[in-house]
Amino acid sequence: MTSIARRINRSQVFSMFWTLLLVDGLIVLAVLLGWAYAMERQMLGALWQPQLQRSLQWLDGASGRQLIESVEYMFSLNGGEMHRVAAGAFLRIVSDIGKVLLVTQGIILVLSWREGRKRTMRLLSPLHQMSETAEQLSRTGFDEQKYHDLEDAIAAISPSAPDARLSTGDSDLLGLENAVNNLLTRMHESYRQQIRFVSDASHELRTPISVIRGYGDMLDRWGKEDPKVLGESIAAIRSEADNMQQLVEQLLFLARGDAGRNQPKLKPMDLSKLMREVYEEYAMIDKNHGWRLQADEVVPAVGDPAQLKQAVRILCDNAAKYSALGAPITLRSFVDEQGVPCFAVQDNGTGIAPADIPHIFERFYRADPARARNTGGTGLGLSIAKWIVDRHKGYFQVISREGVGTRMVVCLPSKVVDKGTPAEAAAGEAGLAAAPLEQTAN
């Protein structure tokens, strides 16, 4: 690296030297031509013209220092009188100035050599580090057999085996082994989740298909003659078809989401307005529970209103399934202590066991499969709600106690609201209208 820096610096210094030498020559030539022109105009005056006969002459026998002082500049106009001008004194001055200039430029070249070497070494320091690293690697003693052992160890890995690991027993390859093993762990986890998803989806579809087939057989045997059997079978088939349609739509939603085709269309919105719309829907269609709304101010946020409404409906459906008849269910929008817009759905239902809370957002997970069959549902609702909230860069807060109830809170940090901002000012900034304080429905 030092040799490279020396060559680069030498090339730069020599380039500077020849440039200075060329500039000096051009300066001396310009000075001499200017002096000759001044002498010609002084002696010829208005008779001067560019076409003059010009020459230089040295006195006979002059040498050394006298050679410069004995120079005469001669010129004549159209073969007329020859004018002579002693150029020795002027050339002596030019020579002295030239010597000073050359000494100064020599000092500049020496300083440029020294500084240029430091600068070149500094610019080449990354290459120097690379060369040192390469030299260190060359001393580690990697041989061809070691690479063959690594290839054999990788080829022996079975991707489908859950305990597959890369192991060469070589400390130099330990970092590579850890990286490959971490990748295998993630692959196995992804593969396990995929297999579980397909298995659960098949199981969920098998149940309604079996029911439909059973009622179809019953219709074939007795439904032709018995109107009661006919009506019961048709109602059951329609119900199971609806369940299958709901399951397929949810599976398609998640599949499109995983493929990046359900990206939210974000825009300014009011969470209070969203919760009021959902409240009005459920207060009208579900008379079996006491629906309540708490929205004391506008809560500006940024999100996809359609997707967020879908998430709220999922939370409301879950709250209704696991709440007793007439039990209150509260829909709320607010700004938390950190100024983050949030909405919540709270019930006084059966609650969730602490051991089940970490798994409630997994696809097809049910805390109590027997109870789930009684209450209906596919086990995909909370997974879809979690997917929607994740795409909004939000997060869930789950507070639940068995026998007391559950509160599901969604926070959307994509829009931070100042706690001290009045509701009217926030509404003006978001272009939204304020909501009533509280409403209840029984």
Protein backbone atom coordinates (compact mmCIF):
# COMPACT_ATOMS: atom_id res chain seq x y z
CA MET A 1 0.00 0.00 0.00
CA THR A 2 2.92 2.36 0.76
CA SER A 3 4.39 1.67 -2.67
CA ILE A 4 1.06 2.45 -4.33
CA ALA A 5 0.74 5.70 -2.38
CA ARG A 6 4.31 6.67 -3.37
CA ARG A 7 3.63 6.06 -7.05
CA ILE A 8 0.36 7.99 -6.98
CA ASN A 9 2.01 10.90 -5.16
CA ARG A 10 5.01 10.92 -7.52
CA SER A 11 2.69 11.00 -10.51
CA GLN A 12 0.81 13.97 -9.05
CA VAL A 13 4.00 15.89 -8.21
CA PHE A 14 5.51 15.32 -11.66
CA SER A 15 2.26 16.45 -13.25
CA MET A 16 2.40 19.62 -11.13
CA PHE A 17 6.08 20.14 -12.06
CA TRP A 18 5.48 20.02 -15.80
CA THR A 19 2.44 22.25 -15.43
CA LEU A 20 4.47 24.89 -13.55
CA LEU A 21 7.28 24.62 -16.09
CA LEU A 22 4.88 25.22 -18.97
CA VAL A 23 3.32 28.18 -17.15
CA ASP A 24 6.81 29.67 -16.51
CA GLY A 25 7.71 29.33 -20.17
CA LEU A 26 4.50 31.02 -21.27
CA ILE A 27 5.07 33.87 -18.76
CA VAL A 28 8.67 34.44 -19.93
CA LEU A 29 7.60 34.41 -23.58
CA ALA A 30 4.79 36.89 -22.88
CA VAL A 31 7.18 39.23 -20.97
CA LEU A 32 9.80 39.16 -23.77
CA LEU A 33 7.21 39.83 -26.48
CA GLY A 34 5.76 42.66 -24.41
CA TRP A 35 9.21 44.25 -23.92
CA ALA A 36 10.06 43.96 -27.63
CA TYR A 37 6.76 45.55 -28.61
CA ALA A 38 7.33 48.41 -26.13
CA MET A 39 10.83 49.12 -27.58
CA GLU A 40 9.53 49.07 -31.15
CA ARG A 41 6.71 51.50 -30.41
CA GLN A 42 9.08 53.77 -28.49
CA MET A 43 11.49 54.13 -31.42
CA LEU A 44 9.12 53.94 -34.40
CA GLY A 45 6.09 55.69 -32.96
CA ALA A 46 3.30 56.02 -35.50
CA LEU A 47 5.42 54.25 -38.14
CA TRP A 48 5.27 50.93 -36.29
CA GLN A 49 3.73 48.00 -38.09
CA PRO A 50 3.67 44.28 -37.41
CA GLN A 51 5.78 43.46 -40.49
CA LEU A 52 9.26 44.35 -39.17
CA GLN A 53 12.58 42.67 -39.67
CA ARG A 54 13.72 41.45 -36.23
CA SER A 55 16.79 39.63 -34.92
CA LEU A 56 18.99 39.06 -31.89
CA GLN A 57 22.79 39.51 -31.77
CA TRP A 58 25.47 38.64 -29.27
CA LEU A 59 28.77 40.53 -29.04
CA ASP A 60 31.81 38.60 -30.18
CA GLY A 61 33.79 36.88 -27.45
CA ALA A 62 31.01 37.11 -24.84
CA SER A 63 30.60 34.13 -22.50
CA GLY A 64 29.10 33.17 -19.13
CA ARG A 65 27.39 36.06 -17.38
CA GLN A 66 28.46 38.44 -20.20
CA LEU A 67 26.50 36.33 -22.69
CA ILE A 68 23.16 37.64 -21.38
CA GLU A 69 24.39 41.22 -20.94
CA SER A 70 25.78 41.35 -24.52
CA VAL A 71 22.44 40.58 -26.22
CA GLU A 72 21.13 43.23 -28.61
CA TYR A 73 17.66 43.35 -30.11
CA MET A 74 17.61 44.70 -33.66
CA PHE A 75 14.70 45.61 -35.90
CA SER A 76 14.15 47.70 -39.05
CA LEU A 77 11.16 48.93 -41.07
CA ASN A 78 11.05 47.73 -44.70
CA GLY A 79 14.83 47.47 -45.08
CA GLY A 80 15.36 50.93 -43.65
CA GLU A 81 17.56 52.00 -40.76
CA MET A 82 18.42 49.18 -38.32
CA HIS A 83 17.54 50.04 -34.74
CA ARG A 84 19.52 48.47 -31.93
CA VAL A 85 18.39 48.05 -28.33
CA ALA A 86 20.54 46.59 -25.55
CA ALA A 87 18.51 43.76 -24.01
CA GLY A 88 21.10 42.61 -21.46
CA ALA A 89 19.81 44.60 -18.49
CA PHE A 90 16.22 43.56 -19.07
CA LEU A 91 17.18 39.89 -19.54
CA ARG A 92 19.23 40.05 -16.34
CA ILE A 93 16.15 41.23 -14.42
CA VAL A 94 14.03 38.51 -16.02
CA SER A 95 16.70 35.94 -15.13
CA ASP A 96 16.82 37.02 -11.49
CA ILE A 97 13.02 36.97 -11.19
CA GLY A 98 12.97 33.55 -12.87
CA LYS A 99 15.45 32.16 -10.35
CA VAL A 100 13.32 33.39 -7.43
CA LEU A 101 10.22 31.94 -9.08
CA LEU A 102 11.91 28.55 -9.62
CA VAL A 103 13.09 28.40 -6.02
CA THR A 104 9.60 29.24 -4.77
CA GLN A 105 8.03 26.64 -7.01
CA GLY A 106 10.61 24.09 -5.90
CA ILE A 107 9.62 24.66 -2.27
CA ILE A 108 5.96 24.29 -3.28
CA LEU A 109 6.76 20.98 -5.01
CA VAL A 110 8.59 19.68 -1.94
CA LEU A 111 5.70 20.62 0.36
CA SER A 112 3.22 19.14 -2.09
CA TRP A 113 5.24 15.92 -2.11
CA ARG A 114 5.07 15.62 1.68
CA GLU A 115 1.43 16.63 2.06
CA GLY A 116 0.37 14.67 -0.99
CA ARG A 117 1.88 11.50 0.48
CA LYS A 118 -0.11 11.93 3.70
CA ARG A 119 -3.28 12.73 1.80
CA THR A 120 -2.86 9.74 -0.51
CA MET A 121 -2.27 7.41 2.43
CA ARG A 122 -5.41 8.77 4.10
CA LEU A 123 -7.48 8.22 0.95
CA LEU A 124 -6.10 4.72 0.56
CA SER A 125 -6.66 3.79 4.21
CA PRO A 126 -9.83 1.71 3.38
CA LEU A 127 -7.80 -0.29 0.86
CA HIS A 128 -5.06 -0.63 3.46
CA GLN A 129 -7.56 -2.04 5.94
CA MET A 130 -8.90 -4.40 3.30
CA SER A 131 -5.40 -5.62 2.52
CA GLU A 132 -4.71 -6.20 6.21
CA THR A 133 -7.98 -8.12 6.57
CA ALA A 134 -7.18 -10.20 3.51
CA GLU A 135 -3.75 -10.94 4.93
CA GLN A 136 -5.29 -12.01 8.23
CA LEU A 137 -7.74 -14.26 6.39
CA SER A 138 -4.89 -15.74 4.41
CA ARG A 139 -3.21 -16.70 7.68
CA THR A 140 -6.29 -18.50 9.05
CA GLY A 141 -5.33 -21.56 7.10
CA PHE A 142 -8.59 -22.34 5.27
CA ASP A 143 -7.84 -25.34 3.16
CA GLU A 144 -9.79 -26.94 0.36
CA GLN A 145 -10.83 -29.90 2.50
CA LYS A 146 -12.52 -27.54 4.98
CA TYR A 147 -14.73 -26.15 2.25
CA HIS A 148 -15.57 -29.65 1.07
CA ASP A 149 -16.58 -30.57 4.64
CA LEU A 150 -18.81 -27.50 4.78
CA GLU A 151 -20.48 -28.43 1.48
CA ASP A 152 -21.08 -31.99 2.70
CA ALA A 153 -22.58 -30.75 6.00
CA ILE A 154 -24.97 -28.40 4.16
CA ALA A 155 -25.95 -31.12 1.67
CA ALA A 156 -26.75 -33.49 4.55
CA ILE A 157 -29.34 -31.12 6.07
CA SER A 158 -32.95 -32.26 5.65
CA PRO A 159 -35.21 -29.17 5.40
CA SER A 160 -38.26 -31.16 6.52
CA ALA A 161 -36.61 -32.47 9.70
CA PRO A 162 -37.52 -30.20 12.64
CA ASP A 163 -34.20 -30.88 14.41
CA ALA A 164 -32.02 -30.34 11.32
CA ARG A 165 -28.88 -28.39 12.19
CA LEU A 166 -25.60 -27.52 10.49
CA SER A 167 -22.60 -28.77 12.43
CA THR A 168 -19.01 -29.00 11.14
CA GLY A 169 -17.12 -28.99 14.43
CA ASP A 170 -14.83 -26.24 13.13
CA SER A 171 -14.51 -23.14 15.32
CA ASP A 172 -13.62 -20.99 12.29
CA LEU A 173 -17.04 -21.75 10.79
CA LEU A 174 -19.03 -21.25 14.00
CA GLY A 175 -20.48 -17.90 12.91
CA LEU A 176 -21.63 -19.38 9.61
CA GLU A 177 -23.15 -22.36 11.42
CA ASN A 178 -25.16 -20.09 13.74
CA ALA A 179 -26.47 -18.03 10.82
CA VAL A 180 -27.57 -21.13 8.89
CA ASN A 181 -29.15 -22.71 11.97
CA ASN A 182 -31.11 -19.53 12.75
CA LEU A 183 -32.38 -19.53 9.17
CA LEU A 184 -33.41 -23.19 9.51
CA THR A 185 -35.27 -22.41 12.75
CA ARG A 186 -37.28 -19.66 11.04
CA MET A 187 -37.98 -21.92 8.07
CA HIS A 188 -39.22 -24.72 10.31
CA GLU A 189 -41.45 -22.35 12.27
CA SER A 190 -42.91 -20.93 9.08
CA TYR A 191 -43.41 -24.46 7.71
CA ARG A 192 -45.10 -25.55 10.96
CA GLN A 193 -47.47 -22.59 10.87
CA GLN A 194 -48.32 -23.27 7.23
CA ILE A 195 -49.05 -26.95 7.91
CA ARG A 196 -51.19 -26.04 10.92
CA PHE A 197 -53.08 -23.42 8.91
CA VAL A 198 -53.86 -25.87 6.09
CA SER A 199 -54.85 -28.58 8.58
CA ASP A 200 -57.12 -26.27 10.58
CA ALA A 201 -58.70 -24.85 7.41
CA SER A 202 -59.39 -28.37 6.16
CA HIS A 203 -60.91 -29.32 9.51
CA GLU A 204 -63.12 -26.22 9.57
CA LEU A 205 -64.37 -26.90 6.05
CA ARG A 206 -64.94 -30.59 6.72
CA THR A 207 -67.52 -29.94 9.46
CA PRO A 208 -70.02 -27.89 7.37
CA ILE A 209 -69.50 -30.19 4.40
CA SER A 210 -70.36 -33.19 6.58
CA VAL A 211 -73.46 -31.43 7.90
CA ILE A 212 -74.61 -30.49 4.40
CA ARG A 213 -74.01 -34.05 3.19
CA GLY A 214 -75.94 -35.46 6.14
CA TYR A 215 -78.95 -33.24 5.54
CA GLY A 216 -78.74 -34.00 1.83
CA ASP A 217 -78.98 -37.71 2.60
CA MET A 218 -81.87 -37.05 4.96
CA LEU A 219 -83.65 -35.06 2.26
CA ASP A 220 -83.12 -37.89 -0.18
CA ARG A 221 -84.66 -40.44 2.23
CA TRP A 222 -87.49 -38.61 3.97
CA GLY A 223 -87.57 -34.99 2.83
CA LYS A 224 -89.53 -35.69 -0.31
CA GLU A 225 -92.58 -36.71 1.71
CA ASP A 226 -92.11 -34.84 5.03
CA PRO A 227 -92.38 -31.00 4.83
CA LYS A 228 -90.96 -30.69 8.36
CA VAL A 229 -87.80 -32.58 7.42
CA LEU A 230 -87.61 -30.58 4.20
CA GLY A 231 -87.78 -27.22 6.00
CA GLU A 232 -85.31 -28.27 8.69
CA SER A 233 -82.84 -29.57 6.12
CA ILE A 234 -83.04 -26.45 3.95
CA ALA A 235 -82.50 -24.17 6.97
CA ALA A 236 -79.52 -26.24 8.16
CA ILE A 237 -77.95 -26.33 4.69
CA ARG A 238 -78.31 -22.58 4.33
CA SER A 239 -76.77 -22.02 7.76
CA GLU A 240 -73.78 -24.24 7.01
CA ALA A 241 -73.39 -22.65 3.58
CA ASP A 242 -73.27 -19.24 5.25
CA ASN A 243 -70.62 -20.53 7.67
CA MET A 244 -68.58 -21.90 4.78
CA GLN A 245 -68.90 -18.63 2.89
CA GLN A 246 -67.74 -16.68 5.93
CA LEU A 247 -64.78 -19.01 6.43
CA VAL A 248 -63.75 -18.85 2.77
CA GLU A 249 -64.00 -15.05 2.74
CA GLN A 250 -61.84 -14.82 5.85
CA LEU A 251 -59.28 -17.21 4.38
CA LEU A 252 -59.20 -15.18 1.16
CA PHE A 253 -58.74 -11.96 3.15
CA LEU A 254 -55.75 -13.38 5.01
CA ALA A 255 -54.28 -14.90 1.85
CA ARG A 256 -54.57 -11.60 -0.02
CA GLY A 257 -53.12 -9.81 2.98
CA ASP A 258 -50.14 -12.15 3.14
CA ALA A 259 -49.63 -11.54 -0.59
CA GLY A 260 -49.65 -7.77 -0.06
CA ARG A 261 -52.92 -7.18 -1.94
CA ASN A 262 -54.98 -5.75 0.95
CA GLN A 263 -52.88 -2.75 1.85
CA PRO A 264 -54.83 -0.12 3.82
CA LYS A 265 -55.71 3.17 2.12
CA LEU A 266 -54.73 5.63 4.82
CA LYS A 267 -56.43 8.99 5.20
CA PRO A 268 -57.43 11.35 8.06
CA MET A 269 -60.39 10.04 10.02
CA ASP A 270 -62.21 10.34 13.35
CA LEU A 271 -62.22 7.26 15.58
CA SER A 272 -65.23 8.62 17.47
CA LYS A 273 -67.23 8.76 14.26
CA LEU A 274 -66.15 5.21 13.42
CA MET A 275 -67.20 3.86 16.82
CA ARG A 276 -70.53 5.69 16.62
CA GLU A 277 -71.29 4.06 13.24
CA VAL A 278 -70.52 0.57 14.59
CA TYR A 279 -72.52 1.29 17.75
CA GLU A 280 -75.57 2.26 15.70
CA GLU A 281 -75.30 -0.94 13.64
CA TYR A 282 -75.12 -3.28 16.64
CA ALA A 283 -77.73 -1.38 18.66
CA MET A 284 -80.12 -2.04 15.77
CA ILE A 285 -79.27 -5.66 14.89
CA ASP A 286 -78.47 -7.06 18.35
CA LYS A 287 -81.20 -6.40 20.93
CA ASN A 288 -79.87 -9.09 23.26
CA HIS A 289 -77.10 -6.96 24.76
CA GLY A 290 -76.83 -3.48 26.22
CA TRP A 291 -74.69 -1.54 23.76
CA ARG A 292 -73.01 1.62 25.06
CA LEU A 293 -70.92 4.31 23.39
CA GLN A 294 -68.37 6.60 25.03
CA ALA A 295 -66.95 9.25 22.69
CA ASP A 296 -66.48 12.49 24.57
CA GLU A 297 -64.35 14.20 21.91
CA VAL A 298 -63.12 13.94 18.37
CA VAL A 299 -60.18 11.53 18.12
CA PRO A 300 -58.27 12.34 14.92
CA ALA A 301 -56.24 9.50 13.45
CA VAL A 302 -54.89 8.25 10.14
CA GLY A 303 -56.19 4.92 8.87
CA ASP A 304 -58.37 2.98 6.49
CA PRO A 305 -61.96 3.46 7.76
CA ALA A 306 -63.28 0.30 6.07
CA GLN A 307 -60.59 -1.99 7.47
CA LEU A 308 -60.71 -0.45 10.95
CA LYS A 309 -64.51 -0.82 10.98
CA GLN A 310 -64.03 -4.48 10.10
CA ALA A 311 -61.67 -4.87 13.07
CA VAL A 312 -64.18 -3.18 15.42
CA ARG A 313 -66.98 -5.47 14.18
CA ILE A 314 -64.82 -8.52 14.91
CA LEU A 315 -64.22 -7.30 18.47
CA CYS A 316 -67.95 -6.61 18.89
CA ASP A 317 -68.89 -10.08 17.58
CA ASN A 318 -66.51 -11.71 20.05
CA ALA A 319 -67.82 -9.61 22.91
CA ALA A 320 -71.42 -10.56 22.06
CA LYS A 321 -70.61 -14.29 21.75
CA TYR A 322 -69.08 -14.53 25.21
CA SER A 323 -71.44 -12.18 27.06
CA ALA A 324 -74.69 -13.15 28.75
CA LEU A 325 -78.02 -11.89 27.44
CA GLY A 326 -78.60 -8.30 28.50
CA ALA A 327 -74.95 -7.81 29.55
CA PRO A 328 -73.45 -4.39 28.69
CA ILE A 329 -70.88 -4.00 25.89
CA THR A 330 -69.08 -0.64 25.71
CA LEU A 331 -67.55 0.95 22.61
CA ARG A 332 -65.11 3.75 23.39
CA SER A 333 -62.73 6.11 21.59
CA PHE A 334 -60.16 8.24 23.40
CA VAL A 335 -56.66 9.71 23.41
CA ASP A 336 -54.36 8.02 25.92
CA GLU A 337 -51.85 9.67 28.26
CA GLN A 338 -49.15 9.61 25.58
CA GLY A 339 -51.40 11.44 23.09
CA VAL A 340 -52.05 8.30 21.01
CA PRO A 341 -55.53 7.82 19.46
CA CYS A 342 -57.21 4.59 20.60
CA PHE A 343 -60.51 2.73 20.52
CA ALA A 344 -61.75 -0.08 22.76
CA VAL A 345 -64.47 -2.73 23.05
CA GLN A 346 -65.24 -3.92 26.59
CA ASP A 347 -67.60 -6.64 27.79
CA ASN A 348 -68.62 -8.28 31.07
CA GLY A 349 -68.43 -11.78 29.63
CA THR A 350 -66.62 -14.97 30.52
CA GLY A 351 -63.13 -13.53 30.12
CA ILE A 352 -59.96 -15.19 28.85
CA ALA A 353 -57.63 -17.44 30.82
CA PRO A 354 -54.11 -15.96 31.27
CA ALA A 355 -52.55 -18.95 29.53
CA ASP A 356 -54.69 -18.34 26.43
CA ILE A 357 -54.07 -14.60 26.01
CA PRO A 358 -50.70 -14.97 24.19
CA HIS A 359 -52.39 -17.23 21.58
CA ILE A 360 -55.70 -15.50 20.92
CA PHE A 361 -54.45 -13.85 17.72
CA GLU A 362 -53.20 -17.10 16.20
CA ARG A 363 -55.19 -18.39 13.26
CA PHE A 364 -57.87 -20.98 14.20
CA TYR A 365 -56.86 -20.82 17.85
CA ARG A 366 -59.71 -21.37 20.31
CA ALA A 367 -59.31 -21.21 24.07
CA ASP A 368 -62.21 -23.69 24.46
CA PRO A 369 -63.06 -25.64 21.28
CA ALA A 370 -66.26 -27.03 22.78
CA ARG A 371 -67.50 -23.59 23.72
CA ALA A 372 -66.46 -22.27 20.30
CA ARG A 373 -68.67 -24.80 18.57
CA ASN A 374 -71.58 -23.64 20.67
CA THR A 375 -70.98 -19.96 20.04
CA GLY A 376 -70.07 -20.29 16.37
CA GLY A 377 -67.16 -18.61 14.62
CA THR A 378 -64.18 -19.76 12.61
CA GLY A 379 -61.26 -18.84 14.85
CA LEU A 380 -59.99 -16.34 12.28
CA GLY A 381 -61.66 -13.15 13.47
CA LEU A 382 -58.98 -11.95 15.88
CA SER A 383 -56.27 -12.96 13.41
CA ILE A 384 -57.84 -10.66 10.82
CA ALA A 385 -58.21 -7.85 13.38
CA LYS A 386 -54.55 -8.25 14.35
CA TRP A 387 -53.50 -8.19 10.71
CA ILE A 388 -55.43 -4.94 10.14
CA VAL A 389 -53.99 -3.25 13.22
CA ASP A 390 -50.46 -4.36 12.35
CA ARG A 391 -50.77 -2.84 8.87
CA HIS A 392 -51.75 0.43 10.54
CA LYS A 393 -48.57 0.28 12.67
CA GLY A 394 -50.82 -0.05 15.71
CA TYR A 395 -50.96 -2.49 18.60
CA PHE A 396 -53.41 -4.27 20.91
CA GLN A 397 -53.78 -4.00 24.67
CA VAL A 398 -55.71 -6.98 26.08
CA ILE A 399 -57.05 -6.82 29.64
CA SER A 400 -59.13 -9.83 30.69
CA ARG A 401 -60.17 -11.70 33.81
CA GLU A 402 -62.14 -14.91 33.88
CA GLY A 403 -65.69 -14.37 35.06
CA VAL A 404 -65.32 -10.56 34.96
CA GLY A 405 -64.87 -9.61 31.30
CA THR A 406 -62.46 -8.48 28.62
CA ARG A 407 -61.29 -5.12 27.33
CA MET A 408 -59.69 -5.03 23.86
CA VAL A 409 -57.90 -1.73 23.19
CA VAL A 410 -56.40 -0.76 19.80
CA CYS A 411 -53.88 2.10 19.64
CA LEU A 412 -52.88 3.75 16.38
CA PRO A 413 -49.59 5.64 16.81
CA SER A 414 -49.65 6.77 13.20
CA LYS A 415 -51.44 9.91 14.39
CA VAL A 416 -50.35 11.57 17.65
CA VAL A 417 -52.68 14.15 19.17
CA ASP A 418 -51.63 16.76 21.71
CA LYS A 419 -53.45 16.05 24.98
CA GLY A 420 -53.89 19.76 25.58
CA THR A 421 -55.57 20.39 22.24
CA PRO A 422 -59.29 21.12 22.60
CA ALA A 423 -61.69 18.82 20.83
CA GLU A 424 -62.86 21.62 18.56
CA ALA A 425 -59.30 22.48 17.48
CA ALA A 426 -58.50 18.82 16.77
CA ALA A 427 -61.70 18.49 14.80
CA GLY A 428 -60.82 21.56 12.77
CA GLU A 429 -57.37 20.16 11.94
CA ALA A 430 -58.81 16.81 10.83
CA GLY A 431 -61.88 18.30 9.14
CA LEU A 432 -64.22 16.25 11.37
CA ALA A 433 -67.26 16.83 13.58
CA ALA A 434 -67.60 16.16 17.32
CA ALA A 435 -69.56 13.18 18.73
CA PRO A 436 -72.00 13.02 21.68
CA LEU A 437 -70.62 12.20 25.11
CA GLU A 438 -72.31 8.84 25.78
CA GLN A 439 -75.15 6.77 24.41
CA THR A 440 -76.60 3.49 25.65
CA ALA A 441 -78.93 0.90 24.16
CA ASN A 442 -80.71 -1.95 25.94
